[in-house]
Every structure is written in C-alpha cells, then in structure tokens.
Amino acid sequence: MRKPKIYADLGISNDQGGSTWLIGKDSIEDIIKETTYKNLSIIPSGPIHSKQFELTFSSKTDGLLNLIKERFDCIIIDSPSID
C-alpha cells in the first residue's frame, strides 16, 4: 500500500481499494475488481492515506482478510520484500 503499481499493470482504477475499505468509505463489493484474466480479481491498494501505516497494521486488516478468505480459494498478497 506504500507504492501501489499492480493496478495500473492490470488496467484497474485505484480510486477504491484496501485503504478506502479500511477507513469505512467503501464496501467489500466496491473494492473487489475483476480483471481481463479468467478467475482473477484484485483489490487495489486504494489512494494513499496519511495514516497508511496505522491502517495496514490495524485489526481491520484482519477483518478484510477474513472477508476475502470467505470469497476466494487462493489469495496472493503483493508486498515488498523483507531484506
């Protein structure tokens, strides 16, 4: 969520996403975006928020993961490497 990029590679808007769900602006249905690839949906990061770190490590993030676990068989989280 720090330097979002994959949404652009897939031709998806980043106006709604994880950050807008975490602040209560959008529903889960609003942030799940279909792609042109069969059986591939993404949740973009959403606009960068001033309290991005706090949002990412809040208990609401666990809630988001639990919601998407109910809907999808496989979840891939795009994140930076830990060096």
N, C-alpha and C. Protein backbone atom coordinates (compact mmCIF):
# COMPACT_ATOMS: atom_id res chain seq x y z
N MET A 1 0.81 -1.19 0.00
CA MET A 1 0.00 0.00 0.00
C MET A 1 0.86 1.26 0.00
N ARG A 2 2.16 1.07 0.07
CA ARG A 2 3.04 2.22 0.13
C ARG A 2 3.31 2.81 -1.26
N LYS A 3 3.61 1.94 -2.23
CA LYS A 3 3.87 2.39 -3.60
C LYS A 3 3.06 1.51 -4.55
N PRO A 4 1.76 1.72 -4.60
CA PRO A 4 0.91 0.84 -5.42
C PRO A 4 1.24 0.94 -6.91
N LYS A 5 1.25 -0.21 -7.59
CA LYS A 5 1.57 -0.22 -9.00
C LYS A 5 0.77 -1.26 -9.79
N ILE A 6 0.48 -2.40 -9.19
CA ILE A 6 -0.09 -3.53 -9.95
C ILE A 6 -1.44 -3.18 -10.58
N TYR A 7 -2.19 -2.30 -9.95
CA TYR A 7 -3.49 -1.92 -10.52
C TYR A 7 -3.32 -1.35 -11.92
N ALA A 8 -2.28 -0.54 -12.11
CA ALA A 8 -2.04 0.06 -13.43
C ALA A 8 -1.65 -1.00 -14.45
N ASP A 9 -0.85 -1.98 -14.03
CA ASP A 9 -0.45 -3.07 -14.93
C ASP A 9 -1.66 -3.86 -15.43
N LEU A 10 -2.71 -3.92 -14.60
CA LEU A 10 -3.91 -4.67 -14.97
C LEU A 10 -5.02 -3.80 -15.51
N GLY A 11 -4.76 -2.49 -15.66
CA GLY A 11 -5.75 -1.58 -16.22
C GLY A 11 -6.93 -1.33 -15.29
N ILE A 12 -6.67 -1.35 -13.99
CA ILE A 12 -7.71 -1.18 -12.97
C ILE A 12 -7.53 0.19 -12.31
N SER A 13 -8.62 0.82 -11.95
CA SER A 13 -8.57 2.10 -11.24
C SER A 13 -8.13 1.87 -9.79
N ASN A 14 -7.44 2.81 -9.23
CA ASN A 14 -7.00 2.75 -7.84
C ASN A 14 -7.80 3.71 -6.96
N ASP A 15 -8.95 4.17 -7.47
CA ASP A 15 -9.78 5.12 -6.70
C ASP A 15 -10.40 4.47 -5.48
N GLN A 16 -10.65 3.17 -5.56
CA GLN A 16 -11.21 2.41 -4.45
C GLN A 16 -10.30 1.22 -4.20
N GLY A 17 -10.18 0.82 -2.94
CA GLY A 17 -9.33 -0.33 -2.65
C GLY A 17 -9.22 -0.55 -1.15
N GLY A 18 -8.16 -1.22 -0.77
CA GLY A 18 -7.96 -1.57 0.63
C GLY A 18 -8.02 -0.37 1.56
N SER A 19 -7.40 0.72 1.18
CA SER A 19 -7.39 1.89 2.07
C SER A 19 -8.77 2.49 2.25
N THR A 20 -9.58 2.50 1.19
CA THR A 20 -10.92 3.09 1.32
C THR A 20 -11.85 2.16 2.10
N TRP A 21 -11.61 0.84 2.05
CA TRP A 21 -12.39 -0.08 2.88
C TRP A 21 -11.99 0.09 4.34
N LEU A 22 -10.69 0.20 4.60
CA LEU A 22 -10.21 0.32 5.97
C LEU A 22 -10.71 1.58 6.68
N ILE A 23 -10.95 2.65 5.93
CA ILE A 23 -11.46 3.87 6.57
C ILE A 23 -12.99 3.91 6.56
N GLY A 24 -13.62 2.86 6.03
CA GLY A 24 -15.07 2.77 6.06
C GLY A 24 -15.78 3.49 4.93
N LYS A 25 -15.04 3.88 3.91
CA LYS A 25 -15.65 4.62 2.79
C LYS A 25 -16.34 3.69 1.79
N ASP A 26 -15.77 2.51 1.56
CA ASP A 26 -16.30 1.60 0.55
C ASP A 26 -16.59 0.22 1.13
N SER A 27 -17.50 -0.49 0.48
CA SER A 27 -17.83 -1.86 0.89
C SER A 27 -16.88 -2.83 0.21
N ILE A 28 -16.91 -4.08 0.67
CA ILE A 28 -16.08 -5.11 0.07
C ILE A 28 -16.43 -5.29 -1.41
N GLU A 29 -17.71 -5.19 -1.74
CA GLU A 29 -18.14 -5.33 -3.14
C GLU A 29 -17.57 -4.21 -4.00
N ASP A 30 -17.42 -3.02 -3.41
CA ASP A 30 -16.88 -1.88 -4.16
C ASP A 30 -15.40 -2.04 -4.50
N ILE A 31 -14.66 -2.72 -3.63
CA ILE A 31 -13.20 -2.74 -3.82
C ILE A 31 -12.68 -3.96 -4.57
N ILE A 32 -13.49 -5.00 -4.68
CA ILE A 32 -13.05 -6.18 -5.46
C ILE A 32 -13.26 -5.86 -6.94
N LYS A 33 -12.18 -5.89 -7.69
CA LYS A 33 -12.22 -5.53 -9.12
C LYS A 33 -11.91 -6.75 -9.98
N GLU A 34 -12.73 -6.95 -10.99
CA GLU A 34 -12.49 -8.02 -11.95
C GLU A 34 -11.38 -7.58 -12.91
N THR A 35 -10.62 -8.54 -13.41
CA THR A 35 -9.60 -8.25 -14.40
C THR A 35 -9.98 -8.92 -15.72
N THR A 36 -9.18 -8.73 -16.72
CA THR A 36 -9.44 -9.38 -18.01
C THR A 36 -9.00 -10.84 -18.00
N TYR A 37 -8.33 -11.27 -16.93
CA TYR A 37 -7.88 -12.65 -16.81
C TYR A 37 -8.96 -13.49 -16.13
N LYS A 38 -9.19 -14.66 -16.67
CA LYS A 38 -10.22 -15.55 -16.13
C LYS A 38 -9.91 -15.90 -14.67
N ASN A 39 -10.92 -15.78 -13.83
CA ASN A 39 -10.82 -16.12 -12.41
C ASN A 39 -9.78 -15.32 -11.64
N LEU A 40 -9.49 -14.11 -12.08
CA LEU A 40 -8.54 -13.27 -11.35
C LEU A 40 -9.21 -11.95 -11.01
N SER A 41 -9.37 -11.71 -9.74
CA SER A 41 -9.88 -10.44 -9.24
C SER A 41 -8.78 -9.83 -8.38
N ILE A 42 -8.80 -8.51 -8.24
CA ILE A 42 -7.83 -7.88 -7.34
C ILE A 42 -8.53 -6.86 -6.47
N ILE A 43 -7.91 -6.59 -5.36
CA ILE A 43 -8.29 -5.46 -4.53
C ILE A 43 -7.10 -4.51 -4.59
N PRO A 44 -7.23 -3.41 -5.32
CA PRO A 44 -6.11 -2.47 -5.37
C PRO A 44 -5.89 -1.86 -3.99
N SER A 45 -4.77 -1.21 -3.81
CA SER A 45 -4.46 -0.62 -2.50
C SER A 45 -5.38 0.54 -2.18
N GLY A 46 -5.85 1.23 -3.21
CA GLY A 46 -6.64 2.44 -2.98
C GLY A 46 -5.71 3.63 -2.83
N PRO A 47 -6.29 4.82 -2.75
CA PRO A 47 -5.46 6.02 -2.61
C PRO A 47 -4.59 5.94 -1.35
N ILE A 48 -3.40 6.49 -1.44
CA ILE A 48 -2.50 6.52 -0.29
C ILE A 48 -3.11 7.43 0.76
N HIS A 49 -3.19 6.92 1.98
CA HIS A 49 -3.81 7.63 3.10
C HIS A 49 -2.71 8.18 4.00
N SER A 50 -2.97 9.29 4.66
CA SER A 50 -1.96 9.91 5.52
C SER A 50 -1.56 9.01 6.69
N LYS A 51 -2.43 8.10 7.10
CA LYS A 51 -2.12 7.17 8.20
C LYS A 51 -2.03 5.74 7.67
N GLN A 52 -1.33 5.58 6.56
CA GLN A 52 -1.24 4.29 5.89
C GLN A 52 -0.68 3.20 6.81
N PHE A 53 0.36 3.50 7.56
CA PHE A 53 0.97 2.50 8.43
C PHE A 53 -0.03 2.01 9.47
N GLU A 54 -0.73 2.95 10.10
CA GLU A 54 -1.71 2.58 11.13
C GLU A 54 -2.85 1.74 10.53
N LEU A 55 -3.28 2.11 9.33
CA LEU A 55 -4.35 1.35 8.67
C LEU A 55 -3.90 -0.07 8.36
N THR A 56 -2.70 -0.21 7.83
CA THR A 56 -2.20 -1.52 7.42
C THR A 56 -2.08 -2.47 8.61
N PHE A 57 -1.68 -1.95 9.75
CA PHE A 57 -1.45 -2.80 10.92
C PHE A 57 -2.58 -2.73 11.94
N SER A 58 -3.75 -2.34 11.49
CA SER A 58 -4.91 -2.30 12.41
C SER A 58 -5.64 -3.64 12.40
N SER A 59 -6.50 -3.84 13.36
CA SER A 59 -7.28 -5.07 13.42
C SER A 59 -8.27 -5.15 12.25
N LYS A 60 -8.58 -4.01 11.64
CA LYS A 60 -9.49 -4.02 10.48
C LYS A 60 -8.86 -4.77 9.30
N THR A 61 -7.54 -4.77 9.22
CA THR A 61 -6.88 -5.51 8.15
C THR A 61 -7.16 -7.00 8.30
N ASP A 62 -7.16 -7.51 9.52
CA ASP A 62 -7.52 -8.91 9.76
C ASP A 62 -8.96 -9.16 9.30
N GLY A 63 -9.83 -8.20 9.57
CA GLY A 63 -11.23 -8.33 9.15
C GLY A 63 -11.35 -8.41 7.64
N LEU A 64 -10.58 -7.59 6.94
CA LEU A 64 -10.59 -7.61 5.48
C LEU A 64 -10.11 -8.96 4.96
N LEU A 65 -9.02 -9.46 5.53
CA LEU A 65 -8.51 -10.77 5.10
C LEU A 65 -9.52 -11.88 5.36
N ASN A 66 -10.21 -11.81 6.47
CA ASN A 66 -11.23 -12.82 6.76
C ASN A 66 -12.38 -12.76 5.76
N LEU A 67 -12.78 -11.55 5.36
CA LEU A 67 -13.84 -11.42 4.36
C LEU A 67 -13.44 -12.01 3.02
N ILE A 68 -12.21 -11.75 2.60
CA ILE A 68 -11.82 -12.26 1.28
C ILE A 68 -11.52 -13.76 1.33
N LYS A 69 -11.14 -14.29 2.49
CA LYS A 69 -10.96 -15.74 2.63
C LYS A 69 -12.27 -16.48 2.38
N GLU A 70 -13.39 -15.85 2.74
CA GLU A 70 -14.70 -16.47 2.54
C GLU A 70 -15.10 -16.50 1.07
N ARG A 71 -14.53 -15.63 0.26
CA ARG A 71 -14.96 -15.49 -1.14
C ARG A 71 -14.03 -16.13 -2.16
N PHE A 72 -12.78 -16.33 -1.79
CA PHE A 72 -11.79 -16.79 -2.77
C PHE A 72 -11.05 -18.03 -2.28
N ASP A 73 -10.65 -18.87 -3.23
CA ASP A 73 -9.91 -20.09 -2.92
C ASP A 73 -8.43 -19.82 -2.68
N CYS A 74 -7.90 -18.84 -3.37
CA CYS A 74 -6.47 -18.53 -3.28
C CYS A 74 -6.30 -17.02 -3.16
N ILE A 75 -5.48 -16.58 -2.24
CA ILE A 75 -5.23 -15.15 -2.03
C ILE A 75 -3.74 -14.91 -2.14
N ILE A 76 -3.35 -13.97 -2.98
CA ILE A 76 -1.96 -13.58 -3.12
C ILE A 76 -1.85 -12.13 -2.66
N ILE A 77 -0.93 -11.88 -1.75
CA ILE A 77 -0.74 -10.52 -1.25
C ILE A 77 0.57 -9.99 -1.83
N ASP A 78 0.47 -8.94 -2.61
CA ASP A 78 1.63 -8.31 -3.22
C ASP A 78 2.22 -7.35 -2.20
N SER A 79 3.42 -7.64 -1.75
CA SER A 79 4.05 -6.79 -0.74
C SER A 79 5.55 -6.69 -1.01
N PRO A 80 6.19 -5.68 -0.43
CA PRO A 80 7.63 -5.55 -0.62
C PRO A 80 8.37 -6.66 0.10
N SER A 81 9.56 -6.95 -0.37
CA SER A 81 10.37 -7.98 0.27
C SER A 81 10.91 -7.48 1.61
N ILE A 82 11.24 -8.41 2.44
CA ILE A 82 11.85 -8.06 3.73
C ILE A 82 13.33 -8.38 3.60
N ASP A 83 14.14 -7.34 3.61
CA ASP A 83 15.60 -7.54 3.48
C ASP A 83 16.28 -7.44 4.80
